[in-house]
């Protein structure tokens, strides 16, 4: 994509904010994104950003995708989260063997792929593939998806060692159990998927360990988009919706500061308070730091892909650590803004209420776990073995 195309995608995402905000409450109540929101995101091309170009997708660079996702999130956090999750589903599908890609995107480039990548079920070998039974959650976007990418554990087979893998399964072969009753991110519809004796042919399986080393079975998708490192791409993209939530919280607090006072003080306007000025400055700086980290990490991830290299273990661990640090900056910024704004933020009628709940929920994603990521990075810095995960 050229510079104008990238700017246009971000502008289209920003233009959707009023519509997404209008339907946010409906999505939260129904615990699924409103049909009008899904249609608008489809029309704007937000669900094609990482579909392979040969199927009509955009193969957008990571910085642009993140900026667009942050804009969507400012209208509705659940919508931004689904752009993240379903976009990652499209990109991951582009790493699978070409036959699997044809099955998913061949007839409809707007096909959506949800995913639960943790290996929550064991598969057994059958003729031509694998048979798996199990349950997977949380499956964000499953109510709008036609395919699911699900984690499973494979036993040793032939020359292939035992290990985790991702399997592509049509949603028509799975059952959705309504389990998504949460504090925040309710509109994502992240329910439980159940499969019983589902057959997954070999060409719809992506083994995790080789993929984390940059070894992918795809052949036709040889553009930089499909050469990027697996976990660094996922972890870096994760920052985007958190930035959007924090930026929207800051914008709301600033918009009210001219006519909202501070209880039990003589301040008629928050903006006149030195303490309030310091609080919003601190929050804005945290958001700026998160965005700087996001752009630097995205540039590093895409830079390796453009040069045909793969980041080493230390750099991958650093990128995952930076992702969780950026996420932490975002929720700390929101927390500080809520304290500065006052108890009104806890009223359901105030926009900060939803942002607070959503960011507390979204920031708990496993890839953003601060202690685990710090341990991964510390081990990499010190050369401590063995590693506690291959998801680096």
Protein backbone atom coordinates (compact mmCIF):
# COMPACT_ATOMS: atom_id res chain seq x y z
CA UNK A 1 0.00 0.00 0.00
CA UNK A 2 1.15 3.52 -0.80
CA UNK A 3 1.15 6.43 1.63
CA UNK A 4 -2.20 7.74 0.35
CA UNK A 5 -3.79 4.29 0.64
CA UNK A 6 -2.56 3.91 4.20
CA UNK A 7 -3.87 7.33 5.19
CA UNK A 8 -7.18 6.55 3.51
CA UNK A 9 -7.64 3.37 5.54
CA UNK A 10 -7.06 5.23 8.82
CA UNK A 11 -9.44 8.00 7.72
CA UNK A 12 -12.13 5.47 6.84
CA UNK A 13 -11.72 3.88 10.26
CA UNK A 14 -12.02 7.26 11.99
CA UNK A 15 -15.14 8.10 9.97
CA UNK A 16 -16.88 5.03 11.40
CA UNK A 17 -16.61 6.21 14.99
CA UNK A 18 -20.03 7.93 15.24
CA UNK A 19 -21.86 4.90 13.85
CA UNK A 20 -19.95 2.48 16.06
CA UNK A 21 -20.60 4.61 19.11
CA UNK A 22 -24.30 4.73 18.25
CA UNK A 23 -24.55 0.93 18.31
CA UNK A 24 -22.11 0.27 21.17
CA UNK A 25 -24.79 -0.04 23.86
CA UNK A 26 -26.80 -2.44 21.68
CA UNK A 27 -23.73 -4.63 21.18
CA UNK A 28 -23.00 -4.66 24.89
CA UNK A 29 -26.60 -5.56 25.76
CA UNK A 30 -26.83 -8.31 23.13
CA UNK A 31 -23.26 -9.46 23.87
CA UNK A 32 -22.37 -9.41 20.18
CA UNK A 33 -21.41 -6.65 17.77
CA UNK A 34 -24.45 -5.05 16.14
CA UNK A 35 -25.12 -6.07 12.54
CA UNK A 36 -24.88 -2.42 11.46
CA UNK A 37 -21.39 -2.20 12.94
CA UNK A 38 -20.23 -5.39 11.24
CA UNK A 39 -21.63 -4.19 7.89
CA UNK A 40 -19.91 -0.80 8.22
CA UNK A 41 -16.56 -2.39 9.08
CA UNK A 42 -16.93 -4.73 6.11
CA UNK A 43 -17.77 -1.89 3.73
CA UNK A 44 -14.79 0.15 4.93
CA UNK A 45 -12.45 -2.79 4.29
CA UNK A 46 -11.43 -3.17 7.93
CA UNK A 47 -11.97 -6.94 7.81
CA UNK A 48 -9.81 -7.31 4.67
CA UNK A 49 -6.64 -5.65 5.93
CA UNK A 50 -4.76 -8.93 6.31
CA UNK A 51 -6.53 -11.14 3.77
CA UNK A 52 -4.00 -12.18 1.10
CA UNK A 53 -4.01 -9.83 -1.87
CA UNK A 54 -4.56 -12.72 -4.29
CA UNK A 55 -8.01 -13.16 -2.74
CA UNK A 56 -8.87 -9.45 -2.78
CA UNK A 57 -7.25 -8.44 0.51
CA UNK A 58 -5.04 -5.45 1.31
CA UNK A 59 -1.96 -6.94 3.02
CA UNK A 60 -1.61 -3.69 4.97
CA UNK A 61 1.52 -2.87 6.98
CA UNK A 62 1.33 -3.32 10.74
CA UNK A 63 1.62 0.38 11.70
CA UNK A 64 -1.34 1.30 9.50
CA UNK A 65 -3.47 -1.58 10.74
CA UNK A 66 -2.79 -0.56 14.32
CA UNK A 67 -3.61 3.11 13.73
CA UNK A 68 -6.86 2.15 12.00
CA UNK A 69 -7.78 -0.28 14.78
CA UNK A 70 -7.18 2.37 17.44
CA UNK A 71 -9.59 4.69 15.60
CA UNK A 72 -12.26 1.98 15.43
CA UNK A 73 -11.80 1.29 19.14
CA UNK A 74 -12.47 4.91 19.99
CA UNK A 75 -15.98 4.40 18.62
CA UNK A 76 -16.53 0.98 20.22
CA UNK A 77 -13.94 -1.09 22.07
CA UNK A 78 -15.62 -4.35 21.07
CA UNK A 79 -15.47 -3.38 17.39
CA UNK A 80 -11.77 -2.58 17.66
CA UNK A 81 -11.15 -5.89 19.41
CA UNK A 82 -12.84 -7.82 16.62
CA UNK A 83 -10.82 -5.97 13.98
CA UNK A 84 -7.76 -7.17 15.92
CA UNK A 85 -8.88 -10.76 16.46
CA UNK A 86 -10.46 -11.42 13.08
CA UNK A 87 -7.61 -9.62 11.32
CA UNK A 88 -5.14 -11.92 13.06
CA UNK A 89 -7.30 -14.86 12.00
CA UNK A 90 -7.01 -13.76 8.37
CA UNK A 91 -3.25 -13.26 8.63
CA UNK A 92 -2.65 -16.60 10.33
CA UNK A 93 -4.76 -18.35 7.68
CA UNK A 94 -2.40 -16.84 5.11
CA UNK A 95 0.43 -18.85 6.70
CA UNK A 96 -1.36 -22.19 6.18
CA UNK A 97 -0.88 -24.38 3.10
CA UNK A 98 -2.36 -22.82 -0.03
CA UNK A 99 -5.14 -25.42 -0.23
CA UNK A 100 -6.47 -24.33 3.16
CA UNK A 101 -6.40 -20.69 2.10
CA UNK A 102 -8.42 -21.51 -1.00
CA UNK A 103 -11.04 -23.25 1.13
CA UNK A 104 -11.34 -20.27 3.47
CA UNK A 105 -11.06 -17.27 1.13
CA UNK A 106 -11.58 -18.73 -2.35
CA UNK A 107 -15.26 -17.89 -2.62
CA UNK A 108 -15.47 -14.94 -0.21
CA UNK A 109 -12.58 -12.64 0.79
CA UNK A 110 -14.79 -11.25 3.56
CA UNK A 111 -14.88 -14.64 5.30
CA UNK A 112 -14.01 -14.19 8.96
CA UNK A 113 -11.79 -16.49 11.02
CA UNK A 114 -12.00 -16.41 14.81
CA UNK A 115 -9.36 -18.17 16.85
CA UNK A 116 -8.45 -19.67 20.22
CA UNK A 117 -4.78 -20.53 19.88
CA UNK A 118 -4.13 -22.21 23.24
CA UNK A 119 -3.95 -26.02 22.71
CA UNK A 120 -7.05 -26.86 24.74
CA UNK A 121 -7.77 -30.25 23.16
CA UNK A 122 -5.77 -33.34 22.20
CA UNK A 123 -6.08 -34.72 18.66
CA UNK A 124 -5.59 -38.28 17.48
CA UNK A 125 -4.18 -39.37 14.15
CA UNK A 126 -6.62 -40.66 11.52
CA UNK A 127 -6.27 -41.29 7.81
CA UNK A 128 -5.41 -38.02 6.06
CA UNK A 129 -5.41 -35.81 9.12
CA UNK A 130 -6.52 -35.50 12.73
CA UNK A 131 -9.65 -36.00 14.76
CA UNK A 132 -10.24 -33.65 17.66
CA UNK A 133 -12.87 -33.20 20.36
CA UNK A 134 -12.86 -30.43 22.91
CA UNK A 135 -13.94 -26.95 23.88
CA UNK A 136 -12.25 -23.62 23.28
CA UNK A 137 -12.79 -20.18 24.78
CA UNK A 138 -12.86 -17.24 24.65
CA UNK A 139 -13.62 -17.21 20.91
CA UNK A 140 -13.98 -13.50 20.18
CA UNK A 141 -15.93 -12.86 16.98
CA UNK A 142 -17.21 -16.42 16.70
CA UNK A 143 -20.76 -15.16 16.16
CA UNK A 144 -19.65 -13.45 12.94
CA UNK A 145 -17.11 -16.03 11.73
CA UNK A 146 -17.41 -18.82 9.19
CA UNK A 147 -14.19 -20.54 10.30
CA UNK A 148 -12.40 -21.08 13.59
CA UNK A 149 -8.67 -21.60 14.15
CA UNK A 150 -8.30 -23.72 17.27
CA UNK A 151 -5.31 -24.86 19.27
CA UNK A 152 -4.73 -28.57 19.75
CA UNK A 153 -2.02 -30.92 20.96
CA UNK A 154 -0.71 -33.46 18.46
CA UNK A 155 1.01 -36.72 19.43
CA UNK A 156 4.21 -37.80 17.74
CA UNK A 157 3.58 -38.95 14.17
CA UNK A 158 6.17 -40.20 11.69
CA UNK A 159 9.08 -37.75 11.59
CA UNK A 160 7.00 -35.05 13.31
CA UNK A 161 7.46 -34.70 17.08
CA UNK A 162 4.57 -34.17 19.47
CA UNK A 163 3.58 -30.54 19.88
CA UNK A 164 0.95 -27.85 19.70
CA UNK A 165 -0.75 -26.88 16.45
CA UNK A 166 -3.53 -24.69 15.07
CA UNK A 167 -6.35 -26.32 13.13
CA UNK A 168 -8.80 -24.64 10.76
CA UNK A 169 -12.37 -25.87 11.26
CA UNK A 170 -15.59 -24.64 9.64
CA UNK A 171 -17.96 -23.07 12.16
CA UNK A 172 -20.67 -25.34 10.74
CA UNK A 173 -18.87 -28.28 12.39
CA UNK A 174 -18.75 -26.60 15.81
CA UNK A 175 -21.31 -25.65 18.42
CA UNK A 176 -21.37 -22.27 20.16
CA UNK A 177 -22.23 -22.26 23.85
CA UNK A 178 -23.36 -18.90 25.24
CA UNK A 179 -20.91 -18.30 28.09
CA UNK A 180 -19.74 -14.70 27.60
CA UNK A 181 -20.98 -12.91 30.73
CA UNK A 182 -18.19 -10.52 31.71
CA UNK A 183 -17.25 -7.24 33.32
CA UNK A 184 -16.16 -5.68 30.04
CA UNK A 185 -15.75 -6.27 26.29
CA UNK A 186 -19.24 -7.75 26.29
CA UNK A 187 -19.90 -6.90 22.65
CA UNK A 188 -17.15 -9.24 21.44
CA UNK A 189 -19.37 -12.31 21.86
CA UNK A 190 -16.37 -14.34 23.01
CA UNK A 191 -18.27 -17.53 23.68
CA UNK A 192 -17.24 -21.18 24.05
CA UNK A 193 -16.79 -23.38 20.97
CA UNK A 194 -17.41 -27.12 21.24
CA UNK A 195 -16.34 -29.75 18.74
CA UNK A 196 -16.99 -33.48 18.80
CA UNK A 197 -14.95 -35.86 16.65
CA UNK A 198 -14.14 -33.11 14.15
CA UNK A 199 -11.90 -34.12 11.25
CA UNK A 200 -9.07 -31.68 10.43
CA UNK A 201 -7.18 -32.64 7.25
CA UNK A 202 -3.41 -32.23 7.19
CA UNK A 203 -3.52 -29.19 4.93
CA UNK A 204 -5.61 -27.34 7.54
CA UNK A 205 -3.02 -27.79 10.30
CA UNK A 206 -0.23 -25.36 11.19
CA UNK A 207 2.32 -26.65 13.68
CA UNK A 208 3.16 -24.04 16.29
CA UNK A 209 6.83 -24.62 17.03
CA UNK A 210 8.09 -24.27 13.43
CA UNK A 211 5.78 -21.28 12.94
CA UNK A 212 7.35 -19.43 15.88
CA UNK A 213 10.71 -19.88 14.11
CA UNK A 214 9.35 -18.39 10.89
CA UNK A 215 8.85 -21.70 9.07
CA UNK A 216 5.46 -21.60 7.33
CA UNK A 217 3.95 -24.10 4.86
CA UNK A 218 2.40 -21.40 2.61
CA UNK A 219 3.89 -21.05 -0.87
CA UNK A 220 1.98 -18.47 -2.91
CA UNK A 221 1.86 -15.80 -0.19
CA UNK A 222 5.49 -14.72 -0.27
CA UNK A 223 4.96 -11.01 0.37
CA UNK A 224 6.47 -9.39 3.49
CA UNK A 225 3.08 -9.55 5.24
CA UNK A 226 3.34 -13.35 5.43
CA UNK A 227 7.00 -13.40 6.45
CA UNK A 228 6.54 -11.53 9.74
CA UNK A 229 7.39 -13.26 13.02
CA UNK A 230 4.38 -15.00 14.54
CA UNK A 231 4.23 -13.95 18.21
CA UNK A 232 5.76 -10.48 17.79
CA UNK A 233 3.10 -9.69 15.20
CA UNK A 234 0.25 -10.86 17.43
CA UNK A 235 1.64 -9.20 20.57
CA UNK A 236 2.36 -5.88 18.86
CA UNK A 237 -1.06 -5.68 17.21
CA UNK A 238 -2.62 -6.29 20.64
CA UNK A 239 -1.50 -2.81 21.73
CA UNK A 240 -3.75 -1.05 19.21
CA UNK A 241 -7.19 -1.38 20.83
CA UNK A 242 -5.73 -0.50 24.23
CA UNK A 243 -4.34 2.73 22.77
CA UNK A 244 -7.76 3.50 21.30
CA UNK A 245 -9.49 3.04 24.66
CA UNK A 246 -6.95 5.20 26.49
CA UNK A 247 -7.08 7.95 23.87
CA UNK A 248 -10.86 8.06 24.01
CA UNK A 249 -10.76 8.27 27.82
CA UNK A 250 -8.32 11.18 27.64
CA UNK A 251 -10.42 12.99 25.03
CA UNK A 252 -13.54 12.65 27.19
CA UNK A 253 -11.85 13.89 30.35
CA UNK A 254 -10.37 16.89 28.55
CA UNK A 255 -13.74 17.72 26.98
CA UNK A 256 -15.38 17.96 30.41
CA UNK A 257 -12.64 19.87 32.21
CA UNK A 258 -13.95 23.32 31.31
CA UNK A 259 -17.29 22.92 33.09
CA UNK A 260 -16.80 20.10 35.60
CA UNK A 261 -15.69 21.17 39.07
CA UNK A 262 -13.84 19.42 41.87
CA UNK A 263 -15.93 18.56 44.91
CA UNK A 264 -14.97 20.04 48.30
CA UNK A 265 -12.64 22.58 46.70
CA UNK A 266 -13.08 26.09 45.31
CA UNK A 267 -12.35 24.89 41.80
CA UNK A 268 -15.35 25.44 39.54
CA UNK A 269 -13.43 24.04 36.60
CA UNK A 270 -11.10 21.05 36.76
CA UNK A 271 -8.82 22.64 34.19
CA UNK A 272 -7.76 25.30 36.72
CA UNK A 273 -6.44 22.76 39.21
CA UNK A 274 -2.70 22.14 39.20
CA UNK A 275 -3.27 18.59 40.46
CA UNK A 276 -5.68 17.93 37.59
CA UNK A 277 -3.24 19.41 35.07
CA UNK A 278 -0.51 17.09 36.33
CA UNK A 279 -2.85 14.09 36.19
CA UNK A 280 -3.87 14.60 32.55
CA UNK A 281 -0.27 15.33 31.58
CA UNK A 282 0.84 12.06 33.16
CA UNK A 283 -1.94 10.12 31.44
CA UNK A 284 -1.24 11.69 28.05
CA UNK A 285 2.45 10.88 28.40
CA UNK A 286 1.70 7.23 29.17
CA UNK A 287 -0.48 7.04 26.05
CA UNK A 288 2.26 8.69 23.99
CA UNK A 289 4.77 6.14 25.29
CA UNK A 290 2.41 3.27 24.39
CA UNK A 291 2.01 4.61 20.85
CA UNK A 292 5.76 5.12 20.46
CA UNK A 293 6.35 1.53 21.56
CA UNK A 294 3.63 0.28 19.21
CA UNK A 295 5.08 2.07 16.18
CA UNK A 296 8.66 1.12 17.00
CA UNK A 297 7.71 -2.53 17.48
CA UNK A 298 5.63 -2.58 14.30
CA UNK A 299 8.52 -1.07 12.35
CA UNK A 300 10.87 -3.72 13.74
CA UNK A 301 8.49 -6.59 12.95
CA UNK A 302 7.79 -5.43 9.41
CA UNK A 303 11.43 -4.45 8.89
CA UNK A 304 12.56 -8.03 9.41
CA UNK A 305 9.94 -9.25 6.97
CA UNK A 306 10.98 -6.71 4.33
CA UNK A 307 14.63 -7.73 4.65
CA UNK A 308 13.85 -11.45 4.69
CA UNK A 309 15.24 -11.98 8.19
CA UNK A 310 13.71 -13.43 11.36
CA UNK A 311 14.23 -11.76 14.75
CA UNK A 312 16.32 -13.81 17.16
CA UNK A 313 14.99 -15.10 20.47
CA UNK A 314 16.16 -12.09 22.48
CA UNK A 315 14.51 -9.61 20.14
CA UNK A 316 11.28 -11.60 20.06
CA UNK A 317 11.23 -11.70 23.87
CA UNK A 318 11.91 -7.96 23.94
CA UNK A 319 9.01 -7.28 21.56
CA UNK A 320 6.62 -9.33 23.66
CA UNK A 321 7.79 -7.54 26.82
CA UNK A 322 7.36 -4.15 25.14
CA UNK A 323 3.84 -5.09 24.14
CA UNK A 324 2.77 -5.82 27.70
CA UNK A 325 4.53 -2.67 28.92
CA UNK A 326 2.59 -0.57 26.40
CA UNK A 327 -0.67 -2.24 27.42
CA UNK A 328 0.15 -1.44 31.04
CA UNK A 329 0.76 2.21 30.18
CA UNK A 330 -2.69 2.39 28.62
CA UNK A 331 -4.62 0.97 31.57
CA UNK A 332 -2.56 3.00 34.01
CA UNK A 333 -3.44 6.11 31.99
CA UNK A 334 -7.14 5.27 32.18
CA UNK A 335 -6.90 4.54 35.89
CA UNK A 336 -5.25 7.90 36.50
CA UNK A 337 -7.84 9.71 34.39
CA UNK A 338 -10.69 8.07 36.30
CA UNK A 339 -9.18 9.20 39.61
CA UNK A 340 -8.69 12.74 38.34
CA UNK A 341 -12.15 12.88 36.79
CA UNK A 342 -13.91 11.75 39.96
CA UNK A 343 -16.62 9.36 41.08
CA UNK A 344 -18.87 10.32 38.15
CA UNK A 345 -16.74 7.97 36.04
CA UNK A 346 -18.32 5.04 37.85
CA UNK A 347 -21.82 5.94 36.71
CA UNK A 348 -23.14 3.80 33.86
CA UNK A 349 -24.29 6.97 32.10
CA UNK A 350 -20.73 8.26 31.82
CA UNK A 351 -18.56 7.10 28.86
CA UNK A 352 -15.62 6.49 31.18
CA UNK A 353 -17.57 3.72 32.88
CA UNK A 354 -17.55 1.53 29.77
CA UNK A 355 -13.93 2.34 28.93
CA UNK A 356 -12.82 1.43 32.45
CA UNK A 357 -14.56 -1.94 32.29
CA UNK A 358 -13.38 -2.68 28.78
CA UNK A 359 -9.73 -1.86 29.36
CA UNK A 360 -9.62 -3.84 32.60
CA UNK A 361 -10.92 -6.86 30.67
CA UNK A 362 -8.91 -6.46 27.45
CA UNK A 363 -5.60 -5.85 29.23
CA UNK A 364 -5.82 -9.31 30.84
CA UNK A 365 -5.14 -11.10 27.55
CA UNK A 366 -2.55 -13.84 28.08
CA UNK A 367 -0.08 -12.32 25.60
CA UNK A 368 -0.07 -9.13 27.69
CA UNK A 369 0.53 -10.81 31.07
CA UNK A 370 3.17 -8.51 32.61
CA UNK A 371 4.88 -10.95 34.98
CA UNK A 372 5.14 -13.74 32.39
CA UNK A 373 6.48 -11.41 29.72
CA UNK A 374 9.03 -9.91 32.09
CA UNK A 375 10.18 -13.43 32.99
CA UNK A 376 10.52 -14.37 29.30
CA UNK A 377 12.56 -11.22 28.64
CA UNK A 378 14.69 -11.62 31.76
CA UNK A 379 15.49 -15.23 30.87
CA UNK A 380 16.44 -14.18 27.35
CA UNK A 381 18.70 -11.40 28.65
CA UNK A 382 20.43 -13.78 31.07
CA UNK A 383 20.56 -16.78 28.76
CA UNK A 384 18.62 -18.87 31.27
CA UNK A 385 17.35 -22.19 29.92
CA UNK A 386 15.03 -23.87 29.40
CA UNK A 387 12.48 -21.46 28.05
CA UNK A 388 9.03 -21.65 29.65
CA UNK A 389 7.20 -21.31 26.32
CA UNK A 390 7.80 -21.47 22.59
CA UNK A 391 5.29 -18.63 22.08
CA UNK A 392 8.00 -16.02 21.72
